[in-house]
Amino acid sequence: MTLAVIAFVLGLLFGSFLNVCITRLPLHESIIRPRSHCPRCAHALAWYDNVPLVSFALLRGRCRQCSVAISRRYPLVEFAVAVFWFACVLLFGPTIQAFRTAVLCWLLIGLFVTDIETYTLPDALTIPGVALGFAFAAAAAPAGHRLAGFAHAVITACVFAGLFLAIRKLYWLWRRKEGMGLGDIKLIALIGSFLLFSRTTVALFVAVLAASLFSVVLVIRKKADAGQVRIPFGTFLAAGGLISAFAGSRILDWYLRFFY
């Protein structure tokens, strides 16, 4: 439990940094400089105004300098990363699997929020994420099977990325417009490199199901053509990846029981 609490605190700190990435990466700004500041008055935040969760509560969600409201996204992201990291250590113990899942959660939470806010999936998160997935796959494999673990991750990422590329091309041939961004392709490759084949399949199933239901609701509410509805599919992919990281094997086992 002590390690899980430490993971929670570290999650708050890394969640705070993730907020910087979410804000700046879509704008192609440095995540190092300048220091954290109010987006309205540009007032640089003192350390005591930048303590995860605590500062937001003490400031009552407003900038100390200009009193403009601070987005609730900041404490929510900090808390989400902390909770997921706590769960990683609680469920997997002090293992490489816990570390691997924690890194995946950090990346997916960032991409989840970024796609909602900007309809973009920054390469600065997806491409290094794929490389990290490959590295973790090799490191987590039993001794003597490192290469096989690495190959499994690479093949999974390529298969799912290739599937998305094919769908993207077919949609272009049908509609003569883009139906899926390249960011989604990189994201499914990231998920595949971490979760490998079976759990990536679950993540994709969850994402497609959730996105489909969401699209139906939008069409009904807006009375628009389904082909005109734009959704941040990367958000649903990220959510599917988070669910599958913790429950993918159980979901798959439950599903397969209907066939045996």
Protein backbone atom coordinates (compact mmCIF):
# COMPACT_ATOMS: atom_id res chain seq x y z
CA MET A 1 0.00 0.00 0.00
CA THR A 2 2.89 2.38 0.76
CA LEU A 3 4.22 1.99 -2.78
CA ALA A 4 0.73 2.62 -4.16
CA VAL A 5 0.48 5.87 -2.18
CA ILE A 6 3.90 6.94 -3.48
CA ALA A 7 2.68 6.15 -7.00
CA PHE A 8 -0.39 8.32 -6.34
CA VAL A 9 1.76 11.29 -5.31
CA LEU A 10 4.08 10.82 -8.28
CA GLY A 11 1.00 10.58 -10.48
CA LEU A 12 -0.11 14.01 -9.29
CA LEU A 13 3.28 15.48 -10.19
CA PHE A 14 3.47 13.81 -13.59
CA GLY A 15 -0.18 14.69 -14.18
CA SER A 16 0.76 18.34 -13.68
CA PHE A 17 3.49 17.98 -16.29
CA LEU A 18 1.05 16.22 -18.60
CA ASN A 19 -1.17 19.29 -18.44
CA VAL A 20 1.73 21.32 -19.81
CA CYS A 21 2.09 18.83 -22.67
CA ILE A 22 -1.65 18.91 -23.42
CA THR A 23 -1.64 22.70 -23.54
CA ARG A 24 1.56 23.30 -25.49
CA LEU A 25 2.20 20.36 -27.82
CA PRO A 26 -0.76 21.07 -30.15
CA LEU A 27 0.57 24.63 -30.48
CA HIS A 28 4.11 23.33 -31.20
CA GLU A 29 5.42 25.19 -28.15
CA SER A 30 8.25 24.13 -25.86
CA ILE A 31 7.19 22.13 -22.83
CA ILE A 32 10.25 23.41 -20.95
CA ARG A 33 10.17 27.18 -21.42
CA PRO A 34 8.63 29.49 -20.45
CA ARG A 35 7.60 28.38 -16.97
CA SER A 36 3.95 27.74 -16.18
CA HIS A 37 1.87 30.90 -16.44
CA CYS A 38 -1.70 32.16 -16.67
CA PRO A 39 -2.86 31.99 -20.31
CA ARG A 40 -4.74 35.29 -19.92
CA CYS A 41 -2.43 37.66 -18.00
CA ALA A 42 0.83 35.69 -18.59
CA HIS A 43 1.63 35.90 -14.86
CA ALA A 44 4.31 33.31 -14.05
CA LEU A 45 3.08 30.89 -11.41
CA ALA A 46 4.97 30.66 -8.14
CA TRP A 47 5.71 27.16 -6.88
CA TYR A 48 2.96 27.42 -4.26
CA ASP A 49 0.43 28.17 -7.00
CA ASN A 50 1.49 25.10 -8.94
CA VAL A 51 1.01 22.32 -6.38
CA PRO A 52 -1.21 19.63 -7.93
CA LEU A 53 -4.83 19.70 -6.69
CA VAL A 54 -3.93 21.76 -3.60
CA SER A 55 -3.25 25.05 -5.38
CA PHE A 56 -6.44 24.78 -7.44
CA ALA A 57 -8.45 24.29 -4.27
CA LEU A 58 -6.76 27.11 -2.33
CA LEU A 59 -7.12 29.53 -5.27
CA ARG A 60 -10.73 28.41 -5.70
CA GLY A 61 -10.03 27.70 -9.35
CA ARG A 62 -8.91 31.22 -10.25
CA CYS A 63 -5.66 32.96 -11.17
CA ARG A 64 -4.17 34.81 -8.19
CA GLN A 65 -3.23 37.75 -10.42
CA CYS A 66 -6.21 38.37 -12.74
CA SER A 67 -8.88 36.12 -11.17
CA VAL A 68 -9.71 34.45 -14.48
CA ALA A 69 -11.14 30.95 -14.02
CA ILE A 70 -8.67 28.07 -14.32
CA SER A 71 -9.87 25.16 -16.43
CA ARG A 72 -11.07 22.20 -14.38
CA ARG A 73 -9.14 20.06 -16.79
CA TYR A 74 -5.96 20.72 -14.78
CA PRO A 75 -7.01 19.07 -11.50
CA LEU A 76 -8.96 16.37 -13.34
CA VAL A 77 -5.90 15.28 -15.35
CA GLU A 78 -3.69 15.36 -12.25
CA PHE A 79 -6.17 13.26 -10.31
CA ALA A 80 -6.74 10.83 -13.19
CA VAL A 81 -3.03 10.09 -13.60
CA ALA A 82 -2.65 9.68 -9.84
CA VAL A 83 -5.57 7.23 -9.61
CA PHE A 84 -4.39 5.16 -12.55
CA TRP A 85 -0.84 4.99 -11.20
CA PHE A 86 -2.18 3.99 -7.77
CA ALA A 87 -4.19 1.22 -9.46
CA CYS A 88 -1.14 0.03 -11.42
CA VAL A 89 0.92 -0.56 -8.29
CA LEU A 90 -2.04 -1.95 -6.34
CA LEU A 91 -2.90 -4.49 -9.06
CA PHE A 92 0.51 -5.41 -10.45
CA GLY A 93 2.82 -4.73 -7.50
CA PRO A 94 6.38 -3.40 -7.86
CA THR A 95 6.89 -4.99 -11.27
CA ILE A 96 7.84 -3.94 -14.77
CA GLN A 97 4.21 -4.59 -15.72
CA ALA A 98 3.12 -1.87 -13.29
CA PHE A 99 5.67 0.57 -14.72
CA ARG A 100 4.73 -0.36 -18.28
CA THR A 101 1.01 0.15 -17.62
CA ALA A 102 1.65 3.43 -15.78
CA VAL A 103 3.55 4.85 -18.74
CA LEU A 104 0.77 3.73 -21.11
CA CYS A 105 -1.87 5.36 -18.87
CA TRP A 106 0.07 8.63 -18.80
CA LEU A 107 0.30 8.69 -22.60
CA LEU A 108 -3.32 7.69 -23.18
CA ILE A 109 -4.74 10.21 -20.71
CA GLY A 110 -2.76 12.95 -22.47
CA LEU A 111 -3.95 11.87 -25.90
CA PHE A 112 -7.52 11.40 -24.66
CA VAL A 113 -7.74 15.01 -23.51
CA THR A 114 -5.75 16.53 -26.37
CA ASP A 115 -8.01 14.97 -28.98
CA ILE A 116 -11.12 16.22 -27.19
CA GLU A 117 -9.77 19.77 -26.99
CA THR A 118 -7.97 20.13 -30.32
CA TYR A 119 -8.82 17.13 -32.55
CA THR A 120 -5.09 16.40 -32.72
CA LEU A 121 -2.87 13.58 -31.48
CA PRO A 122 0.66 15.03 -31.14
CA ASP A 123 3.54 13.07 -32.63
CA ALA A 124 5.54 14.04 -29.55
CA LEU A 125 3.38 11.61 -27.57
CA THR A 126 2.48 8.92 -30.10
CA ILE A 127 5.83 8.24 -31.80
CA PRO A 128 7.98 8.02 -28.63
CA GLY A 129 5.09 6.02 -27.15
CA VAL A 130 5.40 3.38 -29.87
CA ALA A 131 9.15 3.12 -29.25
CA LEU A 132 8.57 2.76 -25.50
CA GLY A 133 6.00 0.04 -26.15
CA PHE A 134 8.55 -1.94 -28.16
CA ALA A 135 11.16 -1.52 -25.42
CA PHE A 136 8.77 -2.62 -22.67
CA ALA A 137 7.66 -5.64 -24.71
CA ALA A 138 11.27 -6.80 -24.93
CA ALA A 139 12.05 -6.04 -21.29
CA ALA A 140 8.92 -7.77 -19.96
CA ALA A 141 9.49 -10.98 -21.92
CA PRO A 142 11.11 -13.93 -20.11
CA ALA A 143 14.88 -14.24 -20.37
CA GLY A 144 15.81 -15.77 -23.68
CA HIS A 145 12.62 -14.55 -25.32
CA ARG A 146 13.34 -10.82 -25.50
CA LEU A 147 13.49 -10.81 -29.28
CA ALA A 148 10.20 -12.70 -29.52
CA GLY A 149 8.53 -10.19 -27.20
CA PHE A 150 9.88 -7.31 -29.27
CA ALA A 151 8.76 -8.95 -32.51
CA HIS A 152 5.26 -9.57 -31.09
CA ALA A 153 4.91 -5.86 -30.30
CA VAL A 154 6.21 -4.77 -33.70
CA ILE A 155 3.94 -7.17 -35.59
CA THR A 156 0.89 -6.10 -33.56
CA ALA A 157 1.58 -2.41 -34.13
CA CYS A 158 2.09 -2.97 -37.86
CA VAL A 159 -1.04 -5.11 -38.28
CA PHE A 160 -3.37 -2.61 -36.61
CA ALA A 161 -1.71 0.42 -38.20
CA GLY A 162 -2.01 -1.32 -41.57
CA LEU A 163 -5.70 -2.01 -40.92
CA PHE A 164 -6.31 1.67 -40.16
CA LEU A 165 -4.36 2.74 -43.26
CA ALA A 166 -6.52 0.46 -45.38
CA ILE A 167 -9.72 1.87 -43.84
CA ARG A 168 -8.45 5.41 -44.40
CA LYS A 169 -7.73 4.66 -48.06
CA LEU A 170 -11.08 2.95 -48.65
CA TYR A 171 -12.93 5.86 -47.09
CA TRP A 172 -11.06 8.26 -49.36
CA LEU A 173 -12.01 6.23 -52.41
CA TRP A 174 -15.64 6.18 -51.30
CA ARG A 175 -16.11 9.76 -50.07
CA ARG A 176 -13.15 11.59 -51.60
CA LYS A 177 -12.29 13.12 -48.25
CA GLU A 178 -10.30 12.19 -45.17
CA GLY A 179 -12.22 10.01 -42.74
CA MET A 180 -9.37 9.19 -40.36
CA GLY A 181 -6.30 11.17 -39.41
CA LEU A 182 -2.77 9.84 -39.38
CA GLY A 183 -2.72 10.50 -35.65
CA ASP A 184 -5.27 7.72 -35.12
CA ILE A 185 -3.01 5.33 -37.01
CA LYS A 186 -0.05 6.22 -34.81
CA LEU A 187 -2.22 5.90 -31.72
CA ILE A 188 -3.40 2.38 -32.55
CA ALA A 189 0.24 1.45 -33.21
CA LEU A 190 1.10 2.80 -29.74
CA ILE A 191 -1.67 0.79 -28.11
CA GLY A 192 -0.64 -2.30 -30.05
CA SER A 193 3.00 -1.98 -29.00
CA PHE A 194 1.98 -1.93 -25.31
CA LEU A 195 -1.03 -4.26 -25.17
CA LEU A 196 -0.09 -6.74 -27.91
CA PHE A 197 -2.61 -8.46 -30.16
CA SER A 198 -5.48 -9.79 -28.05
CA ARG A 199 -5.87 -6.81 -25.72
CA THR A 200 -5.46 -4.35 -28.61
CA THR A 201 -8.37 -6.12 -30.30
CA VAL A 202 -10.45 -5.52 -27.16
CA ALA A 203 -9.36 -1.86 -27.05
CA LEU A 204 -10.40 -1.37 -30.67
CA PHE A 205 -13.75 -3.10 -30.12
CA VAL A 206 -14.53 -0.89 -27.12
CA ALA A 207 -13.48 2.24 -29.03
CA VAL A 208 -15.58 1.45 -32.11
CA LEU A 209 -18.62 0.54 -30.02
CA ALA A 210 -18.39 3.70 -27.90
CA ALA A 211 -17.70 5.95 -30.90
CA SER A 212 -20.63 4.44 -32.80
CA LEU A 213 -23.04 5.03 -29.93
CA PHE A 214 -21.75 8.57 -29.51
CA SER A 215 -22.18 9.26 -33.24
CA VAL A 216 -25.77 7.98 -33.17
CA VAL A 217 -26.58 10.32 -30.28
CA LEU A 218 -25.03 13.26 -32.14
CA VAL A 219 -26.94 12.47 -35.31
CA ILE A 220 -30.23 12.24 -33.41
CA ARG A 221 -29.64 15.45 -31.46
CA LYS A 222 -28.35 17.50 -34.39
CA LYS A 223 -30.42 15.74 -37.04
CA ALA A 224 -27.32 15.66 -39.23
CA ASP A 225 -26.08 13.21 -41.82
CA ALA A 226 -23.88 10.56 -40.22
CA GLY A 227 -21.19 11.38 -42.75
CA GLN A 228 -21.08 14.97 -41.50
CA VAL A 229 -20.56 14.11 -37.84
CA ARG A 230 -17.00 14.71 -36.68
CA ILE A 231 -15.84 12.90 -33.57
CA PRO A 232 -12.44 12.74 -31.84
CA PHE A 233 -11.93 9.02 -32.49
CA GLY A 234 -8.53 9.15 -30.79
CA THR A 235 -10.33 9.91 -27.53
CA PHE A 236 -12.35 6.69 -27.85
CA LEU A 237 -9.24 4.73 -28.81
CA ALA A 238 -7.41 6.06 -25.76
CA ALA A 239 -10.36 5.16 -23.52
CA GLY A 240 -10.48 1.68 -25.05
CA GLY A 241 -6.77 1.30 -24.41
CA LEU A 242 -7.15 2.31 -20.76
CA ILE A 243 -9.99 -0.14 -20.23
CA SER A 244 -8.17 -2.96 -21.98
CA ALA A 245 -4.94 -2.32 -20.06
CA PHE A 246 -6.71 -3.34 -16.85
CA ALA A 247 -9.61 -5.53 -17.95
CA GLY A 248 -8.82 -6.59 -21.52
CA SER A 249 -8.01 -10.20 -20.70
CA ARG A 250 -11.15 -10.61 -18.57
CA ILE A 251 -13.34 -9.04 -21.25
CA LEU A 252 -11.89 -11.37 -23.88
CA ASP A 253 -12.33 -14.43 -21.66
CA TRP A 254 -15.95 -13.45 -20.98
CA TYR A 255 -16.63 -13.01 -24.69
CA LEU A 256 -15.02 -16.31 -25.70
CA ARG A 257 -17.22 -18.24 -23.27
CA PHE A 258 -20.11 -17.78 -25.69
CA PHE A 259 -18.27 -19.93 -28.25
CA TYR A 260 -17.17 -22.81 -26.04
